[in-house]
Amino acid sequence: MDGILNIDKPAGKTSFGVVAMVKRLTGERHTGHAGTLDPDATGVLPICLGKGTRIIEFLMDTIKTYRAVIELGVSTDTYDASGKVTGRKDPSGIELSALEHALEFFRGVIRQTPPMYSALKHQGQPLYALARAGIAVERKPRTVTVYRLDLTAWQPPAVTLEIECSKGTYVRSLANDLGELLGCGASLKNLVRSRYGIFDIKDAISLSQLEEAARRGDWQQYLHPIDSVLRDLPSIVVDEAGEEAIRTGSPPAPDSSNPPDADSKYCRAYSGDGRFLGILRYDSASGAWHPKKVFI
């Protein structure tokens, strides 16, 4: 069974644990998630099944939206509430105007250092494993984009933000960096991923819903088609010869009546009867669209 499930991850469960449960309930051996959520975080966790696992790289490039509650005045080693407290400072002197001014530094293209407690690897070892062993390593800052950062509530010492950002953005790091900039320290108290690409938390299903549906034998009703997450890519329709070319890994002949958008790096390919055939990649040297992912 091929497609994507929009799962509402509960608190206290790892992303890998969700994958294992989905695998058990659906019986689909090829299963994977598209972007880790910390155990204490909740919200949208797309789970790809079957051939759907082949578009994880495209899913991860989509924009994510988070609702974050940050506690000023408390710093931890994990940058969130699950960690060991490393510092406390009274934040009562922080005015709303100072907070709003500080938030300006986290909008747009920013440089961000990933936390030690993360799944990133150093010489083959996850950083969180090194951190638990008391080993700290230098992490290179990475460029990420914060498309939108809205202050939705200010109830000192709690700051509630809605964040729309690119892949690779660590909201825990943003919380820690905000605290450092304000001079009082801060840590992430609560995090909900409310949107991931086309998937919204309002439409997400709980693991208990999936379990009940699996018991009834109709869990497939929640499965989203593979191409549904690729709708931002331009699309083309090919004839039978083009379909056969894609099937064998060759570029389909160009169709002057249905030209692909060469401004895009990728496009979706469909048959005349509407079947999704695959993802094509534009080669500027040859001017041809070569199959990148084939689904027939």
C-alpha atoms as a PDB file:
ATOM      1  CA  MET A   1       0.000   0.000   0.000  1.00  0.00           C
ATOM      2  CA  ASP A   2       1.493   3.313  -1.139  1.00  0.00           C
ATOM      3  CA  GLY A   3       0.806   6.789   0.232  1.00  0.00           C
ATOM      4  CA  ILE A   4       1.154   9.095   3.238  1.00  0.00           C
ATOM      5  CA  LEU A   5      -0.652   9.181   6.586  1.00  0.00           C
ATOM      6  CA  ASN A   6      -1.116  12.492   8.404  1.00  0.00           C
ATOM      7  CA  ILE A   7      -0.527  11.392  11.998  1.00  0.00           C
ATOM      8  CA  ASP A   8      -1.041  13.583  15.068  1.00  0.00           C
ATOM      9  CA  LYS A   9       1.917  12.485  17.185  1.00  0.00           C
ATOM     10  CA  PRO A  10       1.156  12.339  20.908  1.00  0.00           C
ATOM     11  CA  ALA A  11       3.498  13.612  23.607  1.00  0.00           C
ATOM     12  CA  GLY A  12       5.847  11.079  25.136  1.00  0.00           C
ATOM     13  CA  LYS A  13       6.282   9.003  21.988  1.00  0.00           C
ATOM     14  CA  THR A  14       9.311   9.123  19.692  1.00  0.00           C
ATOM     15  CA  SER A  15       8.894   9.576  15.947  1.00  0.00           C
ATOM     16  CA  PHE A  16      10.511   6.158  15.480  1.00  0.00           C
ATOM     17  CA  GLY A  17       7.969   4.700  17.906  1.00  0.00           C
ATOM     18  CA  VAL A  18       5.136   6.115  15.782  1.00  0.00           C
ATOM     19  CA  VAL A  19       6.666   4.547  12.666  1.00  0.00           C
ATOM     20  CA  ALA A  20       6.916   1.173  14.426  1.00  0.00           C
ATOM     21  CA  MET A  21       3.261   1.348  15.476  1.00  0.00           C
ATOM     22  CA  VAL A  22       2.076   2.334  11.987  1.00  0.00           C
ATOM     23  CA  LYS A  23       4.115  -0.503  10.515  1.00  0.00           C
ATOM     24  CA  ARG A  24       2.490  -2.978  12.913  1.00  0.00           C
ATOM     25  CA  LEU A  25      -1.053  -1.703  12.338  1.00  0.00           C
ATOM     26  CA  THR A  26      -0.871  -1.498   8.546  1.00  0.00           C
ATOM     27  CA  GLY A  27       1.408  -4.447   7.836  1.00  0.00           C
ATOM     28  CA  GLU A  28       3.436  -2.254   5.454  1.00  0.00           C
ATOM     29  CA  ARG A  29       7.118  -3.122   5.801  1.00  0.00           C
ATOM     30  CA  HIS A  30       8.445  -0.031   4.006  1.00  0.00           C
ATOM     31  CA  THR A  31       7.469   2.783   6.350  1.00  0.00           C
ATOM     32  CA  GLY A  32       9.236   5.999   7.370  1.00  0.00           C
ATOM     33  CA  HIS A  33       8.579   9.453   8.781  1.00  0.00           C
ATOM     34  CA  ALA A  34       9.380  12.760   7.102  1.00  0.00           C
ATOM     35  CA  GLY A  35      11.100  14.769   9.810  1.00  0.00           C
ATOM     36  CA  THR A  36      11.639  13.985  13.477  1.00  0.00           C
ATOM     37  CA  LEU A  37       9.507  15.502  16.207  1.00  0.00           C
ATOM     38  CA  ASP A  38      11.022  15.476  19.700  1.00  0.00           C
ATOM     39  CA  PRO A  39       9.346  13.014  22.107  1.00  0.00           C
ATOM     40  CA  ASP A  40       7.655  15.800  24.098  1.00  0.00           C
ATOM     41  CA  ALA A  41       6.443  17.596  20.960  1.00  0.00           C
ATOM     42  CA  THR A  42       3.061  16.881  19.399  1.00  0.00           C
ATOM     43  CA  GLY A  43       1.393  17.476  16.069  1.00  0.00           C
ATOM     44  CA  VAL A  44       1.728  16.654  12.414  1.00  0.00           C
ATOM     45  CA  LEU A  45       4.069  13.773  11.607  1.00  0.00           C
ATOM     46  CA  PRO A  46       3.705  12.543   8.004  1.00  0.00           C
ATOM     47  CA  ILE A  47       4.265   8.781   7.795  1.00  0.00           C
ATOM     48  CA  CYS A  48       5.132   7.493   4.328  1.00  0.00           C
ATOM     49  CA  LEU A  49       4.200   3.955   3.318  1.00  0.00           C
ATOM     50  CA  GLY A  50       5.393   1.749   0.466  1.00  0.00           C
ATOM     51  CA  LYS A  51       6.478   3.785  -2.543  1.00  0.00           C
ATOM     52  CA  GLY A  52       5.554   6.893  -0.550  1.00  0.00           C
ATOM     53  CA  THR A  53       8.897   6.576   1.247  1.00  0.00           C
ATOM     54  CA  ARG A  54      10.562   7.588  -2.012  1.00  0.00           C
ATOM     55  CA  ILE A  55       9.263  11.153  -1.816  1.00  0.00           C
ATOM     56  CA  ILE A  56      10.417  11.855   1.748  1.00  0.00           C
ATOM     57  CA  GLU A  57      13.167  14.142   0.412  1.00  0.00           C
ATOM     58  CA  PHE A  58      10.529  16.275  -1.340  1.00  0.00           C
ATOM     59  CA  LEU A  59       8.291  16.326   1.726  1.00  0.00           C
ATOM     60  CA  MET A  60      11.139  17.506   3.935  1.00  0.00           C
ATOM     61  CA  ASP A  61      11.674  20.524   1.677  1.00  0.00           C
ATOM     62  CA  THR A  62       8.183  21.840   2.415  1.00  0.00           C
ATOM     63  CA  ILE A  63       7.385  24.619   4.897  1.00  0.00           C
ATOM     64  CA  LYS A  64       6.518  23.709   8.498  1.00  0.00           C
ATOM     65  CA  THR A  65       4.424  25.675  10.995  1.00  0.00           C
ATOM     66  CA  TYR A  66       4.823  25.405  14.770  1.00  0.00           C
ATOM     67  CA  ARG A  67       3.123  26.774  17.863  1.00  0.00           C
ATOM     68  CA  ALA A  68       5.761  27.198  20.553  1.00  0.00           C
ATOM     69  CA  VAL A  69       5.574  28.230  24.188  1.00  0.00           C
ATOM     70  CA  ILE A  70       8.919  29.527  25.478  1.00  0.00           C
ATOM     71  CA  GLU A  71       9.672  30.092  29.153  1.00  0.00           C
ATOM     72  CA  LEU A  72      11.951  33.039  29.842  1.00  0.00           C
ATOM     73  CA  GLY A  73      14.366  32.875  32.752  1.00  0.00           C
ATOM     74  CA  VAL A  74      15.086  29.130  32.646  1.00  0.00           C
ATOM     75  CA  SER A  75      17.920  27.598  30.596  1.00  0.00           C
ATOM     76  CA  THR A  76      18.416  23.835  30.151  1.00  0.00           C
ATOM     77  CA  ASP A  77      21.015  21.604  28.517  1.00  0.00           C
ATOM     78  CA  THR A  78      18.482  20.316  25.976  1.00  0.00           C
ATOM     79  CA  TYR A  79      17.000  23.791  25.354  1.00  0.00           C
ATOM     80  CA  ASP A  80      13.580  22.439  26.387  1.00  0.00           C
ATOM     81  CA  ALA A  81      11.674  21.446  29.524  1.00  0.00           C
ATOM     82  CA  SER A  82      12.944  17.844  29.421  1.00  0.00           C
ATOM     83  CA  GLY A  83      16.534  18.832  30.180  1.00  0.00           C
ATOM     84  CA  LYS A  84      18.625  19.624  33.214  1.00  0.00           C
ATOM     85  CA  VAL A  85      18.316  23.230  34.363  1.00  0.00           C
ATOM     86  CA  THR A  86      21.609  25.016  33.727  1.00  0.00           C
ATOM     87  CA  GLY A  87      20.604  28.524  34.716  1.00  0.00           C
ATOM     88  CA  ARG A  88      17.874  30.679  36.219  1.00  0.00           C
ATOM     89  CA  LYS A  89      17.477  34.431  36.003  1.00  0.00           C
ATOM     90  CA  ASP A  90      14.568  36.664  36.881  1.00  0.00           C
ATOM     91  CA  PRO A  91      12.975  37.806  33.569  1.00  0.00           C
ATOM     92  CA  SER A  92      10.507  40.218  35.171  1.00  0.00           C
ATOM     93  CA  GLY A  93      12.420  43.190  33.800  1.00  0.00           C
ATOM     94  CA  ILE A  94      11.789  42.154  30.184  1.00  0.00           C
ATOM     95  CA  GLU A  95       9.323  44.549  28.588  1.00  0.00           C
ATOM     96  CA  LEU A  96       7.093  43.674  25.647  1.00  0.00           C
ATOM     97  CA  SER A  97       8.922  46.208  23.469  1.00  0.00           C
ATOM     98  CA  ALA A  98      12.268  44.507  24.197  1.00  0.00           C
ATOM     99  CA  LEU A  99      10.787  41.115  23.328  1.00  0.00           C
ATOM    100  CA  GLU A 100       9.332  42.376  20.053  1.00  0.00           C
ATOM    101  CA  HIS A 101      12.651  43.982  19.155  1.00  0.00           C
ATOM    102  CA  ALA A 102      14.535  40.747  19.892  1.00  0.00           C
ATOM    103  CA  LEU A 103      12.164  38.704  17.722  1.00  0.00           C
ATOM    104  CA  GLU A 104      13.155  40.805  14.705  1.00  0.00           C
ATOM    105  CA  PHE A 105      16.550  39.058  14.741  1.00  0.00           C
ATOM    106  CA  PHE A 106      14.889  35.687  14.130  1.00  0.00           C
ATOM    107  CA  ARG A 107      12.894  36.580  11.032  1.00  0.00           C
ATOM    108  CA  GLY A 108      14.054  35.862   7.489  1.00  0.00           C
ATOM    109  CA  VAL A 109      17.300  34.061   6.658  1.00  0.00           C
ATOM    110  CA  ILE A 110      19.176  33.376   9.888  1.00  0.00           C
ATOM    111  CA  ARG A 111      22.152  31.379  11.127  1.00  0.00           C
ATOM    112  CA  GLN A 112      21.361  28.794  13.767  1.00  0.00           C
ATOM    113  CA  THR A 113      23.482  26.301  15.706  1.00  0.00           C
ATOM    114  CA  PRO A 114      21.771  22.918  16.247  1.00  0.00           C
ATOM    115  CA  PRO A 115      21.464  21.755  19.865  1.00  0.00           C
ATOM    116  CA  MET A 116      23.756  19.038  21.230  1.00  0.00           C
ATOM    117  CA  TYR A 117      20.669  17.018  22.066  1.00  0.00           C
ATOM    118  CA  SER A 118      19.658  16.323  18.465  1.00  0.00           C
ATOM    119  CA  ALA A 119      19.646  13.436  16.002  1.00  0.00           C
ATOM    120  CA  LEU A 120      22.381  15.018  13.876  1.00  0.00           C
ATOM    121  CA  LYS A 121      25.500  12.883  13.667  1.00  0.00           C
ATOM    122  CA  HIS A 122      29.167  13.551  14.391  1.00  0.00           C
ATOM    123  CA  GLN A 123      31.552  10.940  13.006  1.00  0.00           C
ATOM    124  CA  GLY A 124      28.690   8.458  12.807  1.00  0.00           C
ATOM    125  CA  GLN A 125      27.454   9.083  16.352  1.00  0.00           C
ATOM    126  CA  PRO A 126      24.162  10.873  17.125  1.00  0.00           C
ATOM    127  CA  LEU A 127      24.823  14.121  18.961  1.00  0.00           C
ATOM    128  CA  TYR A 128      22.331  13.226  21.688  1.00  0.00           C
ATOM    129  CA  ALA A 129      24.313  10.048  22.463  1.00  0.00           C
ATOM    130  CA  LEU A 130      27.499  12.081  22.823  1.00  0.00           C
ATOM    131  CA  ALA A 131      25.689  14.649  24.974  1.00  0.00           C
ATOM    132  CA  ARG A 132      24.388  11.948  27.304  1.00  0.00           C
ATOM    133  CA  ALA A 133      27.962  10.684  27.660  1.00  0.00           C
ATOM    134  CA  GLY A 134      29.037  14.169  28.696  1.00  0.00           C
ATOM    135  CA  ILE A 135      30.837  14.865  25.422  1.00  0.00           C
ATOM    136  CA  ALA A 136      30.319  18.236  23.736  1.00  0.00           C
ATOM    137  CA  VAL A 137      31.385  18.783  20.127  1.00  0.00           C
ATOM    138  CA  GLU A 138      31.442  21.910  18.016  1.00  0.00           C
ATOM    139  CA  ARG A 139      28.380  22.268  15.804  1.00  0.00           C
ATOM    140  CA  LYS A 140      28.583  24.429  12.728  1.00  0.00           C
ATOM    141  CA  PRO A 141      25.859  27.065  12.381  1.00  0.00           C
ATOM    142  CA  ARG A 142      23.413  26.368   9.575  1.00  0.00           C
ATOM    143  CA  THR A 143      21.417  28.720   7.409  1.00  0.00           C
ATOM    144  CA  VAL A 144      17.653  28.374   7.807  1.00  0.00           C
ATOM    145  CA  THR A 145      14.702  30.563   6.884  1.00  0.00           C
ATOM    146  CA  VAL A 146      11.970  31.777   9.216  1.00  0.00           C
ATOM    147  CA  TYR A 147       9.216  32.916   6.861  1.00  0.00           C
ATOM    148  CA  ARG A 148       6.892  34.083   9.612  1.00  0.00           C
ATOM    149  CA  LEU A 149       7.356  34.631  13.352  1.00  0.00           C
ATOM    150  CA  ASP A 150       4.284  35.948  15.164  1.00  0.00           C
ATOM    151  CA  LEU A 151       4.002  36.743  18.854  1.00  0.00           C
ATOM    152  CA  THR A 152       0.547  35.362  19.690  1.00  0.00           C
ATOM    153  CA  ALA A 153       0.628  35.623  23.490  1.00  0.00           C
ATOM    154  CA  TRP A 154       2.768  37.349  26.133  1.00  0.00           C
ATOM    155  CA  GLN A 155       2.058  36.134  29.658  1.00  0.00           C
ATOM    156  CA  PRO A 156       5.378  36.616  31.467  1.00  0.00           C
ATOM    157  CA  PRO A 157       7.440  34.558  31.760  1.00  0.00           C
ATOM    158  CA  ALA A 158       5.725  32.614  28.940  1.00  0.00           C
ATOM    159  CA  VAL A 159       6.064  33.673  25.303  1.00  0.00           C
ATOM    160  CA  THR A 160       3.830  32.009  22.704  1.00  0.00           C
ATOM    161  CA  LEU A 161       4.972  32.133  19.087  1.00  0.00           C
ATOM    162  CA  GLU A 162       3.691  30.863  15.766  1.00  0.00           C
ATOM    163  CA  ILE A 163       6.623  30.003  13.532  1.00  0.00           C
ATOM    164  CA  GLU A 164       6.626  29.207   9.821  1.00  0.00           C
ATOM    165  CA  CYS A 165      10.036  27.936   8.784  1.00  0.00           C
ATOM    166  CA  SER A 166      12.195  25.904   6.441  1.00  0.00           C
ATOM    167  CA  LYS A 167      13.595  22.439   6.981  1.00  0.00           C
ATOM    168  CA  GLY A 168      16.489  22.217   9.400  1.00  0.00           C
ATOM    169  CA  THR A 169      15.072  24.836  11.771  1.00  0.00           C
ATOM    170  CA  TYR A 170      15.337  23.927  15.454  1.00  0.00           C
ATOM    171  CA  VAL A 171      12.687  25.706  17.505  1.00  0.00           C
ATOM    172  CA  ARG A 172      14.594  24.664  20.647  1.00  0.00           C
ATOM    173  CA  SER A 173      17.634  26.560  19.379  1.00  0.00           C
ATOM    174  CA  LEU A 174      15.465  29.559  18.576  1.00  0.00           C
ATOM    175  CA  ALA A 175      14.151  29.522  22.159  1.00  0.00           C
ATOM    176  CA  ASN A 176      17.658  29.274  23.602  1.00  0.00           C
ATOM    177  CA  ASP A 177      19.008  32.003  21.318  1.00  0.00           C
ATOM    178  CA  LEU A 178      16.098  34.299  22.176  1.00  0.00           C
ATOM    179  CA  GLY A 179      16.869  33.873  25.867  1.00  0.00           C
ATOM    180  CA  GLU A 180      20.525  34.662  25.312  1.00  0.00           C
ATOM    181  CA  LEU A 181      19.674  37.775  23.320  1.00  0.00           C
ATOM    182  CA  LEU A 182      17.328  38.991  26.060  1.00  0.00           C
ATOM    183  CA  GLY A 183      19.975  38.232  28.677  1.00  0.00           C
ATOM    184  CA  CYS A 184      17.714  36.088  30.858  1.00  0.00           C
ATOM    185  CA  GLY A 185      17.962  32.659  29.285  1.00  0.00           C
ATOM    186  CA  ALA A 186      14.996  30.677  27.938  1.00  0.00           C
ATOM    187  CA  SER A 187      13.864  27.176  27.073  1.00  0.00           C
ATOM    188  CA  LEU A 188      11.095  25.588  25.039  1.00  0.00           C
ATOM    189  CA  LYS A 189       8.154  24.626  27.245  1.00  0.00           C
ATOM    190  CA  ASN A 190       5.721  23.245  24.661  1.00  0.00           C
ATOM    191  CA  LEU A 191       5.820  22.589  20.911  1.00  0.00           C
ATOM    192  CA  VAL A 192       3.070  21.667  18.461  1.00  0.00           C
ATOM    193  CA  ARG A 193       3.688  21.199  14.746  1.00  0.00           C
ATOM    194  CA  SER A 194       0.429  22.511  13.325  1.00  0.00           C
ATOM    195  CA  ARG A 195       1.240  22.210   9.633  1.00  0.00           C
ATOM    196  CA  TYR A 196       3.679  20.328   7.425  1.00  0.00           C
ATOM    197  CA  GLY A 197       3.394  21.121   3.722  1.00  0.00           C
ATOM    198  CA  ILE A 198      -0.188  20.258   2.725  1.00  0.00           C
ATOM    199  CA  PHE A 199      -0.886  18.459   6.003  1.00  0.00           C
ATOM    200  CA  ASP A 200      -2.773  20.368   8.708  1.00  0.00           C
ATOM    201  CA  ILE A 201      -3.266  19.290  12.308  1.00  0.00           C
ATOM    202  CA  LYS A 202      -7.041  19.785  11.901  1.00  0.00           C
ATOM    203  CA  ASP A 203      -7.059  16.848   9.474  1.00  0.00           C
ATOM    204  CA  ALA A 204      -4.509  14.667  11.284  1.00  0.00           C
ATOM    205  CA  ILE A 205      -5.554  11.336  12.792  1.00  0.00           C
ATOM    206  CA  SER A 206      -4.537   9.984  16.169  1.00  0.00           C
ATOM    207  CA  LEU A 207      -2.835   6.635  16.609  1.00  0.00           C
ATOM    208  CA  SER A 208      -5.964   5.360  18.358  1.00  0.00           C
ATOM    209  CA  GLN A 209      -8.047   6.313  15.303  1.00  0.00           C
ATOM    210  CA  LEU A 210      -5.637   4.431  13.082  1.00  0.00           C
ATOM    211  CA  GLU A 211      -5.732   1.458  15.432  1.00  0.00           C
ATOM    212  CA  GLU A 212      -9.531   1.339  15.346  1.00  0.00           C
ATOM    213  CA  ALA A 213      -9.551   1.637  11.551  1.00  0.00           C
ATOM    214  CA  ALA A 214      -6.957  -1.133  11.256  1.00  0.00           C
ATOM    215  CA  ARG A 215      -9.160  -3.343  13.433  1.00  0.00           C
ATOM    216  CA  ARG A 216     -12.092  -2.674  11.092  1.00  0.00           C
ATOM    217  CA  GLY A 217      -9.904  -3.202   8.043  1.00  0.00           C
ATOM    218  CA  ASP A 218     -10.504   0.222   6.476  1.00  0.00           C
ATOM    219  CA  TRP A 219      -7.438   2.225   7.573  1.00  0.00           C
ATOM    220  CA  GLN A 220      -6.659   2.963   3.897  1.00  0.00           C
ATOM    221  CA  GLN A 221      -9.340   5.678   3.997  1.00  0.00           C
ATOM    222  CA  TYR A 222      -6.758   7.890   5.718  1.00  0.00           C
ATOM    223  CA  LEU A 223      -4.057   7.316   3.105  1.00  0.00           C
ATOM    224  CA  HIS A 224      -3.136  10.352   0.990  1.00  0.00           C
ATOM    225  CA  PRO A 225      -1.955   9.718  -2.616  1.00  0.00           C
ATOM    226  CA  ILE A 226       1.768  10.126  -3.202  1.00  0.00           C
ATOM    227  CA  ASP A 227       1.344  12.965  -5.681  1.00  0.00           C
ATOM    228  CA  SER A 228      -0.911  14.970  -3.350  1.00  0.00           C
ATOM    229  CA  VAL A 229       2.143  16.279  -1.487  1.00  0.00           C
ATOM    230  CA  LEU A 230       3.782  17.369  -4.743  1.00  0.00           C
ATOM    231  CA  ARG A 231       1.087  19.719  -5.958  1.00  0.00           C
ATOM    232  CA  ASP A 232       3.413  22.728  -5.833  1.00  0.00           C
ATOM    233  CA  LEU A 233       5.404  21.155  -8.681  1.00  0.00           C
ATOM    234  CA  PRO A 234       4.260  21.841 -12.255  1.00  0.00           C
ATOM    235  CA  SER A 235       2.765  18.880 -14.095  1.00  0.00           C
ATOM    236  CA  ILE A 236       2.843  17.486 -17.602  1.00  0.00           C
ATOM    237  CA  VAL A 237       0.823  14.845 -19.428  1.00  0.00           C
ATOM    238  CA  VAL A 238       2.614  12.367 -21.685  1.00  0.00           C
ATOM    239  CA  ASP A 239       1.361   9.988 -24.360  1.00  0.00           C
ATOM    240  CA  GLU A 240       1.911   6.215 -24.398  1.00  0.00           C
ATOM    241  CA  ALA A 241       5.396   6.590 -25.874  1.00  0.00           C
ATOM    242  CA  GLY A 242       6.290   9.081 -23.150  1.00  0.00           C
ATOM    243  CA  GLU A 243       4.958   6.739 -20.488  1.00  0.00           C
ATOM    244  CA  GLU A 244       7.103   3.906 -21.806  1.00  0.00           C
ATOM    245  CA  ALA A 245      10.141   6.195 -21.869  1.00  0.00           C
ATOM    246  CA  ILE A 246       9.587   7.125 -18.221  1.00  0.00           C
ATOM    247  CA  ARG A 247       9.081   3.465 -17.329  1.00  0.00           C
ATOM    248  CA  THR A 248      12.513   2.623 -18.740  1.00  0.00           C
ATOM    249  CA  GLY A 249      14.219   5.656 -17.188  1.00  0.00           C
ATOM    250  CA  SER A 250      14.474   7.712 -20.383  1.00  0.00           C
ATOM    251  CA  PRO A 251      13.297  11.306 -20.897  1.00  0.00           C
ATOM    252  CA  PRO A 252       9.948  11.557 -22.698  1.00  0.00           C
ATOM    253  CA  ALA A 253       9.924  13.416 -25.998  1.00  0.00           C
ATOM    254  CA  PRO A 254       8.944  17.093 -25.593  1.00  0.00           C
ATOM    255  CA  ASP A 255       5.348  17.971 -26.398  1.00  0.00           C
ATOM    256  CA  SER A 256       4.917  21.473 -27.810  1.00  0.00           C
ATOM    257  CA  SER A 257       1.248  21.486 -26.788  1.00  0.00           C
ATOM    258  CA  ASN A 258       2.059  20.640 -23.170  1.00  0.00           C
ATOM    259  CA  PRO A 259       5.446  22.204 -22.368  1.00  0.00           C
ATOM    260  CA  PRO A 260       6.819  21.713 -18.838  1.00  0.00           C
ATOM    261  CA  ASP A 261       7.809  24.789 -16.869  1.00  0.00           C
ATOM    262  CA  ALA A 262      11.603  24.926 -17.273  1.00  0.00           C
ATOM    263  CA  ASP A 263      11.785  27.467 -14.439  1.00  0.00           C
ATOM    264  CA  SER A 264      11.129  24.572 -12.089  1.00  0.00           C
ATOM    265  CA  LYS A 265      13.764  21.973 -11.234  1.00  0.00           C
ATOM    266  CA  TYR A 266      11.203  19.173 -11.054  1.00  0.00           C
ATOM    267  CA  CYS A 267       7.782  18.372 -12.453  1.00  0.00           C
ATOM    268  CA  ARG A 268       5.114  15.692 -12.064  1.00  0.00           C
ATOM    269  CA  ALA A 269       4.336  13.413 -15.004  1.00  0.00           C
ATOM    270  CA  TYR A 270       0.900  11.917 -15.677  1.00  0.00           C
ATOM    271  CA  SER A 271      -0.548   9.582 -18.265  1.00  0.00           C
ATOM    272  CA  GLY A 272      -3.407  10.622 -20.505  1.00  0.00           C
ATOM    273  CA  ASP A 273      -5.874   8.871 -18.187  1.00  0.00           C
ATOM    274  CA  GLY A 274      -4.570  10.690 -15.104  1.00  0.00           C
ATOM    275  CA  ARG A 275      -2.232   8.118 -13.566  1.00  0.00           C
ATOM    276  CA  PHE A 276       0.753   9.520 -11.679  1.00  0.00           C
ATOM    277  CA  LEU A 277       3.884   8.241 -13.426  1.00  0.00           C
ATOM    278  CA  GLY A 278       6.725   9.911 -11.579  1.00  0.00           C
ATOM    279  CA  ILE A 279       8.855  12.955 -10.893  1.00  0.00           C
ATOM    280  CA  LEU A 280      11.029  14.338 -13.689  1.00  0.00           C
ATOM    281  CA  ARG A 281      14.134  16.468 -13.265  1.00  0.00           C
ATOM    282  CA  TYR A 282      15.071  19.190 -15.747  1.00  0.00           C
ATOM    283  CA  ASP A 283      18.517  18.974 -17.356  1.00  0.00           C
ATOM    284  CA  SER A 284      19.467  22.436 -18.588  1.00  0.00           C
ATOM    285  CA  ALA A 285      22.305  21.087 -20.746  1.00  0.00           C
ATOM    286  CA  SER A 286      20.079  18.867 -22.869  1.00  0.00           C
ATOM    287  CA  GLY A 287      16.793  20.682 -22.307  1.00  0.00           C
ATOM    288  CA  ALA A 288      15.213  17.330 -21.462  1.00  0.00           C
ATOM    289  CA  TRP A 289      13.233  16.127 -18.454  1.00  0.00           C
ATOM    290  CA  HIS A 290      14.813  12.997 -17.009  1.00  0.00           C
ATOM    291  CA  PRO A 291      12.990  10.602 -14.660  1.00  0.00           C
ATOM    292  CA  LYS A 292      14.023  11.214 -11.042  1.00  0.00           C
ATOM    293  CA  LYS A 293      11.463   8.979  -9.307  1.00  0.00           C
ATOM    294  CA  VAL A 294       9.382   6.449 -11.257  1.00  0.00           C
ATOM    295  CA  PHE A 295       6.140   5.086  -9.789  1.00  0.00           C
ATOM    296  CA  ILE A 296       4.991   2.726 -12.552  1.00  0.00           C
END
